[in-house]
Protein backbone atom coordinates (compact mmCIF):
# COMPACT_ATOMS: atom_id res chain seq x y z
CA LEU A 1 -85.04 -92.55 418.89
CA ILE A 2 -83.62 -89.90 416.54
CA PRO A 3 -86.44 -87.81 414.97
CA LEU A 4 -86.92 -88.38 411.23
CA TYR A 5 -86.16 -84.69 410.52
CA TYR A 6 -82.65 -85.05 411.91
CA LEU A 7 -82.01 -88.25 409.98
CA VAL A 8 -83.05 -86.54 406.72
CA SER A 9 -81.01 -83.41 407.50
CA MET A 10 -77.88 -85.56 407.92
CA ILE A 11 -78.01 -86.50 404.23
CA LYS A 12 -75.71 -84.40 402.08
CA THR A 13 -77.09 -83.43 398.66
CA ILE A 14 -74.60 -83.41 395.77
CA TYR A 15 -75.47 -81.88 392.39
CA LEU A 16 -73.77 -83.39 389.33
CA HIS A 17 -73.74 -81.18 386.24
CA GLY A 18 -74.09 -82.02 382.56
CA PHE A 19 -71.44 -82.36 379.87
CA SER A 20 -71.34 -78.73 378.77
CA GLY A 21 -70.52 -76.95 381.99
CA ASP A 22 -69.24 -77.28 385.55
CA GLY A 23 -70.62 -77.24 389.06
CA ALA A 24 -71.66 -73.58 388.84
CA GLY A 25 -74.29 -74.44 386.23
CA LEU A 26 -76.58 -76.16 388.76
CA MET A 27 -76.30 -73.56 391.51
CA PRO A 28 -79.63 -71.89 390.57
CA LEU A 29 -81.34 -75.29 390.86
CA MET A 30 -79.60 -75.96 394.17
CA ASP A 31 -80.80 -72.62 395.54
CA GLN A 32 -84.35 -73.26 394.32
CA VAL A 33 -84.60 -76.78 395.76
CA GLY A 34 -83.25 -75.56 399.08
CA TYR A 35 -81.97 -78.75 400.70
CA GLU A 36 -79.66 -78.22 403.66
CA GLN A 37 -76.06 -79.43 403.27
CA SER A 38 -76.09 -79.07 399.49
CA GLN A 39 -73.12 -78.69 397.17
CA CYS A 40 -72.46 -78.48 393.44
CA ILE A 41 -69.20 -80.19 392.48
CA ASP A 42 -67.09 -80.15 389.34
CA LEU A 43 -67.00 -83.63 387.81
CA PRO A 44 -63.59 -85.03 386.81
CA ALA A 45 -62.32 -83.34 383.61
CA PHE A 46 -64.58 -80.32 384.20
CA GLY A 47 -63.98 -77.00 385.88
CA ARG A 48 -61.23 -77.26 388.47
CA ASN A 49 -61.44 -81.03 388.97
CA SER A 50 -58.25 -82.61 387.66
CA ARG A 51 -58.57 -86.01 389.36
CA VAL A 52 -56.87 -88.80 387.42
CA TYR A 53 -58.89 -91.75 386.08
CA ASP A 54 -58.65 -94.44 383.44
CA LEU A 55 -60.91 -93.93 380.44
CA ASN A 56 -63.72 -96.27 381.51
CA TRP A 57 -66.93 -95.82 383.48
CA HIS A 58 -65.85 -97.64 386.65
CA SER A 59 -62.68 -95.57 387.00
CA TYR A 60 -64.45 -92.30 386.18
CA VAL A 61 -67.15 -93.02 388.77
CA GLU A 62 -64.49 -93.81 391.38
CA ALA A 63 -62.79 -90.46 390.67
CA THR A 64 -66.17 -88.78 391.14
CA MET A 65 -66.76 -90.65 394.41
CA ALA A 66 -63.38 -89.45 395.69
CA THR A 67 -64.43 -85.88 394.84
CA ILE A 68 -67.74 -86.30 396.69
CA ARG A 69 -66.10 -87.79 399.79
CA ALA A 70 -63.69 -84.84 399.89
CA SER A 71 -66.73 -82.56 400.29
CA GLY A 72 -67.83 -84.27 403.52
CA HIS A 73 -69.22 -87.50 404.93
CA GLY A 74 -72.31 -89.21 403.54
CA PRO A 75 -74.82 -90.63 403.12
CA TYR A 76 -75.43 -88.67 399.92
CA ARG A 77 -78.47 -87.69 397.91
CA LEU A 78 -77.44 -87.24 394.26
CA ILE A 79 -79.16 -84.93 391.80
CA GLY A 80 -77.64 -85.36 388.35
CA HIS A 81 -78.38 -83.70 385.03
CA SER A 82 -77.58 -85.29 381.63
CA HIS A 83 -73.98 -86.55 381.87
CA GLY A 84 -74.18 -86.00 385.62
CA ALA A 85 -77.27 -88.20 385.81
CA MET A 86 -75.38 -91.02 384.14
CA VAL A 87 -72.57 -90.58 386.68
CA ALA A 88 -75.12 -90.54 389.51
CA TYR A 89 -76.49 -93.87 388.33
CA GLY A 90 -72.99 -95.32 388.25
CA LEU A 91 -72.31 -94.04 391.76
CA ALA A 92 -75.48 -95.65 393.10
CA ALA A 93 -74.58 -98.92 391.38
CA GLN A 94 -70.97 -98.98 392.62
CA HIS A 95 -71.49 -97.49 396.10
CA PRO A 96 -74.96 -98.55 397.30
CA ASP A 97 -74.01 -98.16 400.99
CA GLU A 98 -73.19 -94.47 400.60
CA ILE A 99 -75.92 -93.29 398.22
CA ALA A 100 -79.28 -92.63 399.93
CA SER A 101 -81.20 -91.63 396.80
CA VAL A 102 -80.74 -90.35 393.25
CA VAL A 103 -82.68 -87.92 391.09
CA LEU A 104 -81.93 -88.31 387.37
CA ILE A 105 -82.69 -85.37 385.06
CA CYS A 106 -82.48 -86.14 381.30
CA PRO A 107 -80.07 -88.99 382.03
CA VAL A 108 -78.92 -90.38 378.68
CA ALA A 109 -77.76 -87.86 376.09
CA ARG A 110 -77.03 -90.65 373.61
CA GLY A 111 -80.66 -91.77 373.66
CA SER A 112 -81.77 -89.26 371.02
CA LEU A 113 -80.77 -89.22 367.36
CA LEU A 114 -79.26 -85.76 367.84
CA GLY A 115 -77.29 -86.99 370.84
CA ARG A 116 -75.83 -89.90 368.87
CA VAL A 117 -74.98 -87.72 365.86
CA PHE A 118 -73.38 -85.08 368.10
CA ILE A 119 -71.22 -87.55 370.02
CA ASN A 120 -70.15 -89.52 366.95
CA SER A 121 -69.34 -86.33 365.04
CA LEU A 122 -67.10 -85.03 367.82
CA ARG A 123 -65.33 -88.37 368.13
CA ALA A 124 -64.72 -88.42 364.37
CA MET A 125 -63.38 -84.87 364.46
CA ARG A 126 -60.95 -85.82 367.21
CA ARG A 127 -59.62 -88.73 365.12
CA ILE A 128 -59.31 -86.65 361.94
CA LEU A 129 -58.16 -83.29 363.31
CA GLY A 130 -56.42 -84.37 366.48
CA GLY A 131 -57.54 -83.61 370.01
CA ASP A 132 -56.38 -80.00 370.31
CA ARG A 133 -57.83 -78.85 367.00
CA ALA A 134 -61.12 -80.66 367.62
CA THR A 135 -61.37 -78.95 371.00
CA ARG A 136 -60.70 -75.54 369.44
CA LEU A 137 -63.41 -76.22 366.86
CA GLN A 138 -65.88 -77.05 369.64
CA ARG A 139 -65.28 -73.61 371.10
CA GLN A 140 -66.10 -71.81 367.83
CA ARG A 141 -69.31 -69.81 368.06
CA PHE A 142 -70.66 -70.99 364.69
CA PHE A 143 -70.32 -74.64 365.76
CA VAL A 144 -71.96 -73.99 369.14
CA ASP A 145 -74.83 -72.12 367.46
CA ILE A 146 -75.43 -74.92 364.94
CA VAL A 147 -75.63 -77.58 367.66
CA THR A 148 -77.89 -75.35 369.78
CA ARG A 149 -80.16 -74.70 366.81
CA LEU A 150 -80.46 -78.43 366.09
CA SER A 151 -81.58 -79.03 369.68
CA LYS A 152 -84.27 -76.32 369.57
CA ARG A 153 -87.79 -77.49 370.36
CA PRO A 154 -90.89 -76.02 368.71
CA GLU A 155 -92.45 -74.95 372.01
CA TRP A 156 -89.48 -72.79 373.02
CA THR A 157 -90.01 -69.03 372.91
CA ARG A 158 -87.48 -66.80 371.19
CA GLU A 159 -86.39 -65.56 374.62
CA ALA A 160 -85.87 -69.09 375.97
CA TYR A 161 -83.86 -70.07 372.90
CA GLY A 162 -81.76 -66.90 373.16
CA LYS A 163 -80.92 -67.66 376.80
CA LEU A 164 -79.91 -71.22 375.95
CA ARG A 165 -77.70 -70.07 373.08
CA ALA A 166 -75.97 -67.52 375.31
CA GLN A 167 -75.46 -70.16 378.00
CA ARG A 168 -73.99 -72.66 375.50
CA ARG A 169 -71.63 -69.99 374.16
CA ARG A 170 -70.35 -69.29 377.68
CA GLU A 171 -69.95 -72.99 378.43
CA SER A 172 -68.08 -73.65 375.18
CA GLU A 173 -65.29 -71.31 376.26
CA ARG A 174 -64.38 -73.88 378.95
CA TYR A 175 -64.28 -76.97 376.70
CA THR A 176 -61.05 -78.94 377.15
CA LEU A 177 -59.42 -81.95 375.52
CA GLU A 178 -60.15 -84.03 378.64
CA MET A 179 -63.88 -83.38 378.17
CA VAL A 180 -63.67 -84.45 374.53
CA LYS A 181 -61.96 -87.70 375.53
CA LEU A 182 -64.95 -88.62 377.71
CA LEU A 183 -67.02 -89.02 374.54
CA ASP A 184 -65.28 -92.39 374.12
CA ILE A 185 -66.92 -93.85 377.23
CA ILE A 186 -70.40 -92.31 376.97
CA PRO A 187 -71.63 -94.81 374.31
CA ARG A 188 -70.63 -97.70 376.59
CA PHE A 189 -72.80 -96.60 379.53
CA LYS A 190 -75.65 -99.02 378.82
CA GLU A 191 -73.26 -101.92 378.22
CA VAL A 192 -71.51 -101.33 381.56
CA TYR A 193 -74.59 -100.79 383.75
CA GLN A 194 -77.40 -102.68 382.01
CA SER A 195 -77.39 -105.47 384.62
CA SER A 196 -77.13 -103.11 387.62
CA GLN A 197 -80.00 -102.90 390.09
CA LEU A 198 -80.09 -99.84 392.33
CA SER A 199 -81.02 -100.42 395.97
CA CYS A 200 -81.83 -96.74 396.67
CA PRO A 201 -84.90 -94.69 395.67
CA VAL A 202 -84.67 -93.18 392.16
CA GLY A 203 -86.58 -90.10 391.05
């Protein structure tokens, strides 16, 4: 029999980042968790990932799965944050034979009032201003600072808030039109996956 340690070590851990960033954003978490065979990937439309997909959840998840497979053979343990957690759930639902487990961190951005207002505002801006101008507006420091301020929690220290604001400013420099387009499918996540039942452990 193969020892349990070797079975566990064969699982590849994939980190899926949130909406405002790319794979590099979760590298500190990856280093802290310390799983062997770990990798942070850029999701489609983020960073250097230019995989083509139709603008719906099933197609976007398939493009993500193709990215993951290109990193090496599974089975895979998925650790997803925010937008990445939603993608992780979709991957587990659509590819149960390849996903060993999922860890979902703050999975549904649209669940909060701020999340809904933010997404709907950006979608409206894209319709009114056009995609390119809406994307440029998203990169403006005053807009980034307003959104960051609205998300501030009372328990945060001034230092913690300052770090978050600096991080959001850096991330906003990489916003693209393709990222903005994804806002059209985010509200449909629950509708698409509400009847899905995951067969793998979820944390």
